[in-house]
Amino acid sequence: MVANLHNRVNEKDLYELFGQIGKVNRAYIHLAPNGTSSGVANVVFKVASDAERALNTYNNVALDGNDPKTAK
């Protein structure tokens, strides 16, 4: 799970960023009731060790002005 995403971040951005770590099977942003980004997304990697590397690599790294928080 990735939280604190800027509302300009889209799913393509997630695939591009996390795809630098490893094969991303799915990346999707949770939407608020009004249809806008909730600032939270899930990124599913093909290989579990890539998910661990992403946690360590991208936690608190600025993305479009916000510092995303990564978690399992």
N, C-alpha and C. Protein backbone atom coordinates (compact mmCIF):
# COMPACT_ATOMS: atom_id res chain seq x y z
N MET A 1 0.84 -1.17 0.00
CA MET A 1 0.00 0.00 0.00
C MET A 1 0.89 1.23 0.00
N VAL A 2 0.46 2.22 -0.73
CA VAL A 2 1.16 3.50 -0.79
C VAL A 2 0.15 4.57 -0.37
N ALA A 3 0.54 5.41 0.57
CA ALA A 3 -0.36 6.46 1.06
C ALA A 3 0.31 7.82 0.92
N ASN A 4 -0.46 8.86 1.10
CA ASN A 4 -0.01 10.25 1.02
C ASN A 4 0.41 10.63 -0.40
N LEU A 5 -0.28 10.05 -1.38
CA LEU A 5 0.00 10.39 -2.77
C LEU A 5 -0.64 11.73 -3.12
N HIS A 6 0.06 12.50 -3.93
CA HIS A 6 -0.51 13.75 -4.43
C HIS A 6 -1.65 13.41 -5.38
N ASN A 7 -2.65 14.27 -5.46
CA ASN A 7 -3.81 13.99 -6.31
C ASN A 7 -3.47 14.01 -7.80
N ARG A 8 -2.29 14.50 -8.18
CA ARG A 8 -1.87 14.46 -9.60
C ARG A 8 -1.29 13.11 -9.99
N VAL A 9 -0.93 12.28 -9.02
CA VAL A 9 -0.34 10.97 -9.32
C VAL A 9 -1.44 10.07 -9.89
N ASN A 10 -1.11 9.42 -11.02
CA ASN A 10 -2.08 8.49 -11.61
C ASN A 10 -1.49 7.08 -11.67
N GLU A 11 -2.28 6.14 -12.13
CA GLU A 11 -1.83 4.75 -12.15
C GLU A 11 -0.64 4.55 -13.08
N LYS A 12 -0.58 5.28 -14.17
CA LYS A 12 0.57 5.19 -15.08
C LYS A 12 1.85 5.59 -14.33
N ASP A 13 1.77 6.63 -13.51
CA ASP A 13 2.92 7.05 -12.71
C ASP A 13 3.39 5.93 -11.78
N LEU A 14 2.44 5.24 -11.18
CA LEU A 14 2.78 4.14 -10.27
C LEU A 14 3.48 3.01 -11.01
N TYR A 15 2.95 2.64 -12.18
CA TYR A 15 3.59 1.59 -12.98
C TYR A 15 5.01 2.00 -13.37
N GLU A 16 5.19 3.25 -13.76
CA GLU A 16 6.52 3.71 -14.17
C GLU A 16 7.49 3.72 -12.99
N LEU A 17 7.07 4.27 -11.87
CA LEU A 17 7.96 4.37 -10.71
C LEU A 17 8.29 3.00 -10.14
N PHE A 18 7.27 2.23 -9.80
CA PHE A 18 7.52 0.95 -9.15
C PHE A 18 8.03 -0.10 -10.13
N GLY A 19 7.78 0.09 -11.42
CA GLY A 19 8.32 -0.80 -12.43
C GLY A 19 9.83 -0.73 -12.53
N GLN A 20 10.43 0.32 -11.98
CA GLN A 20 11.89 0.40 -11.93
C GLN A 20 12.46 -0.61 -10.95
N ILE A 21 11.65 -1.07 -10.02
CA ILE A 21 12.07 -2.06 -9.03
C ILE A 21 11.89 -3.47 -9.56
N GLY A 22 10.74 -3.73 -10.19
CA GLY A 22 10.44 -5.07 -10.69
C GLY A 22 9.10 -5.07 -11.41
N LYS A 23 8.70 -6.24 -11.88
CA LYS A 23 7.45 -6.38 -12.63
C LYS A 23 6.25 -6.10 -11.72
N VAL A 24 5.45 -5.11 -12.13
CA VAL A 24 4.23 -4.75 -11.40
C VAL A 24 3.05 -5.46 -12.06
N ASN A 25 2.37 -6.32 -11.31
CA ASN A 25 1.18 -6.99 -11.85
C ASN A 25 -0.01 -6.06 -11.90
N ARG A 26 -0.14 -5.21 -10.88
CA ARG A 26 -1.30 -4.32 -10.82
C ARG A 26 -0.97 -3.13 -9.94
N ALA A 27 -1.42 -1.97 -10.36
CA ALA A 27 -1.31 -0.74 -9.55
C ALA A 27 -2.63 0.00 -9.71
N TYR A 28 -3.24 0.33 -8.59
CA TYR A 28 -4.51 1.05 -8.67
C TYR A 28 -4.66 2.02 -7.51
N ILE A 29 -5.28 3.14 -7.81
CA ILE A 29 -5.50 4.20 -6.84
C ILE A 29 -6.92 4.07 -6.30
N HIS A 30 -7.04 4.14 -4.99
CA HIS A 30 -8.36 4.12 -4.36
C HIS A 30 -9.01 5.49 -4.57
N LEU A 31 -10.27 5.47 -4.91
CA LEU A 31 -10.99 6.72 -5.17
C LEU A 31 -11.89 7.10 -4.00
N ALA A 32 -11.99 8.39 -3.77
CA ALA A 32 -12.91 8.93 -2.77
C ALA A 32 -14.33 8.84 -3.33
N PRO A 33 -15.35 9.00 -2.49
CA PRO A 33 -16.73 8.94 -2.97
C PRO A 33 -17.04 9.89 -4.13
N ASN A 34 -16.31 11.01 -4.20
CA ASN A 34 -16.56 11.96 -5.29
C ASN A 34 -15.79 11.62 -6.56
N GLY A 35 -15.07 10.49 -6.57
CA GLY A 35 -14.37 10.04 -7.76
C GLY A 35 -12.94 10.53 -7.91
N THR A 36 -12.47 11.35 -6.97
CA THR A 36 -11.09 11.82 -7.03
C THR A 36 -10.19 10.88 -6.23
N SER A 37 -8.90 11.03 -6.40
CA SER A 37 -7.94 10.20 -5.70
C SER A 37 -8.07 10.38 -4.19
N SER A 38 -8.01 9.25 -3.48
CA SER A 38 -8.02 9.30 -2.02
C SER A 38 -6.60 9.49 -1.47
N GLY A 39 -5.60 9.44 -2.37
CA GLY A 39 -4.21 9.55 -1.94
C GLY A 39 -3.61 8.23 -1.51
N VAL A 40 -4.36 7.14 -1.72
CA VAL A 40 -3.92 5.80 -1.33
C VAL A 40 -3.98 4.90 -2.56
N ALA A 41 -2.96 4.04 -2.70
CA ALA A 41 -2.93 3.11 -3.83
C ALA A 41 -2.39 1.76 -3.38
N ASN A 42 -2.69 0.75 -4.16
CA ASN A 42 -2.09 -0.56 -3.98
C ASN A 42 -1.23 -0.85 -5.19
N VAL A 43 -0.05 -1.40 -4.93
CA VAL A 43 0.85 -1.82 -5.99
C VAL A 43 1.18 -3.28 -5.72
N VAL A 44 0.90 -4.15 -6.69
CA VAL A 44 1.11 -5.58 -6.52
C VAL A 44 2.25 -6.00 -7.45
N PHE A 45 3.31 -6.53 -6.86
CA PHE A 45 4.46 -6.99 -7.62
C PHE A 45 4.35 -8.48 -7.93
N LYS A 46 4.97 -8.90 -9.01
CA LYS A 46 5.02 -10.31 -9.37
C LYS A 46 5.84 -11.09 -8.35
N VAL A 47 6.93 -10.48 -7.87
CA VAL A 47 7.86 -11.14 -6.95
C VAL A 47 7.84 -10.41 -5.61
N ALA A 48 7.63 -11.16 -4.53
CA ALA A 48 7.52 -10.56 -3.20
C ALA A 48 8.77 -9.77 -2.80
N SER A 49 9.94 -10.24 -3.18
CA SER A 49 11.16 -9.54 -2.79
C SER A 49 11.23 -8.15 -3.45
N ASP A 50 10.61 -7.99 -4.60
CA ASP A 50 10.56 -6.66 -5.24
C ASP A 50 9.69 -5.72 -4.42
N ALA A 51 8.63 -6.23 -3.83
CA ALA A 51 7.78 -5.41 -2.97
C ALA A 51 8.57 -4.93 -1.76
N GLU A 52 9.37 -5.80 -1.18
CA GLU A 52 10.22 -5.42 -0.04
C GLU A 52 11.21 -4.33 -0.45
N ARG A 53 11.81 -4.49 -1.62
CA ARG A 53 12.75 -3.46 -2.10
C ARG A 53 12.05 -2.13 -2.32
N ALA A 54 10.85 -2.17 -2.85
CA ALA A 54 10.08 -0.94 -3.06
C ALA A 54 9.78 -0.25 -1.74
N LEU A 55 9.44 -1.04 -0.72
CA LEU A 55 9.20 -0.47 0.61
C LEU A 55 10.42 0.31 1.08
N ASN A 56 11.57 -0.29 0.94
CA ASN A 56 12.81 0.33 1.42
C ASN A 56 13.28 1.48 0.52
N THR A 57 12.99 1.40 -0.75
CA THR A 57 13.49 2.40 -1.70
C THR A 57 12.64 3.66 -1.75
N TYR A 58 11.32 3.51 -1.73
CA TYR A 58 10.45 4.65 -2.01
C TYR A 58 9.73 5.24 -0.80
N ASN A 59 9.88 4.68 0.38
CA ASN A 59 9.20 5.26 1.54
C ASN A 59 9.76 6.65 1.82
N ASN A 60 8.88 7.64 1.88
CA ASN A 60 9.23 9.04 2.15
C ASN A 60 10.06 9.71 1.06
N VAL A 61 9.99 9.20 -0.18
CA VAL A 61 10.66 9.82 -1.31
C VAL A 61 9.62 10.67 -2.05
N ALA A 62 9.95 11.94 -2.30
CA ALA A 62 8.98 12.87 -2.90
C ALA A 62 8.51 12.39 -4.27
N LEU A 63 7.20 12.51 -4.47
CA LEU A 63 6.57 12.18 -5.75
C LEU A 63 5.51 13.23 -6.00
N ASP A 64 5.74 14.12 -6.95
CA ASP A 64 4.82 15.22 -7.25
C ASP A 64 4.52 16.08 -6.03
N GLY A 65 5.52 16.29 -5.20
CA GLY A 65 5.36 17.23 -4.08
C GLY A 65 4.99 16.61 -2.76
N ASN A 66 4.56 15.36 -2.73
CA ASN A 66 4.24 14.69 -1.47
C ASN A 66 5.27 13.61 -1.20
N ASP A 67 5.39 13.22 0.05
CA ASP A 67 6.29 12.13 0.44
C ASP A 67 5.46 10.89 0.71
N PRO A 68 5.34 9.99 -0.27
CA PRO A 68 4.52 8.80 -0.08
C PRO A 68 5.02 7.93 1.06
N LYS A 69 4.10 7.28 1.71
CA LYS A 69 4.40 6.32 2.77
C LYS A 69 4.08 4.95 2.21
N THR A 70 5.04 4.03 2.27
CA THR A 70 4.82 2.68 1.77
C THR A 70 4.63 1.74 2.95
N ALA A 71 3.81 0.73 2.76
CA ALA A 71 3.55 -0.27 3.80
C ALA A 71 3.15 -1.58 3.15
N LYS A 72 3.28 -2.65 3.90
CA LYS A 72 2.88 -3.97 3.42
C LYS A 72 1.38 -4.08 3.42
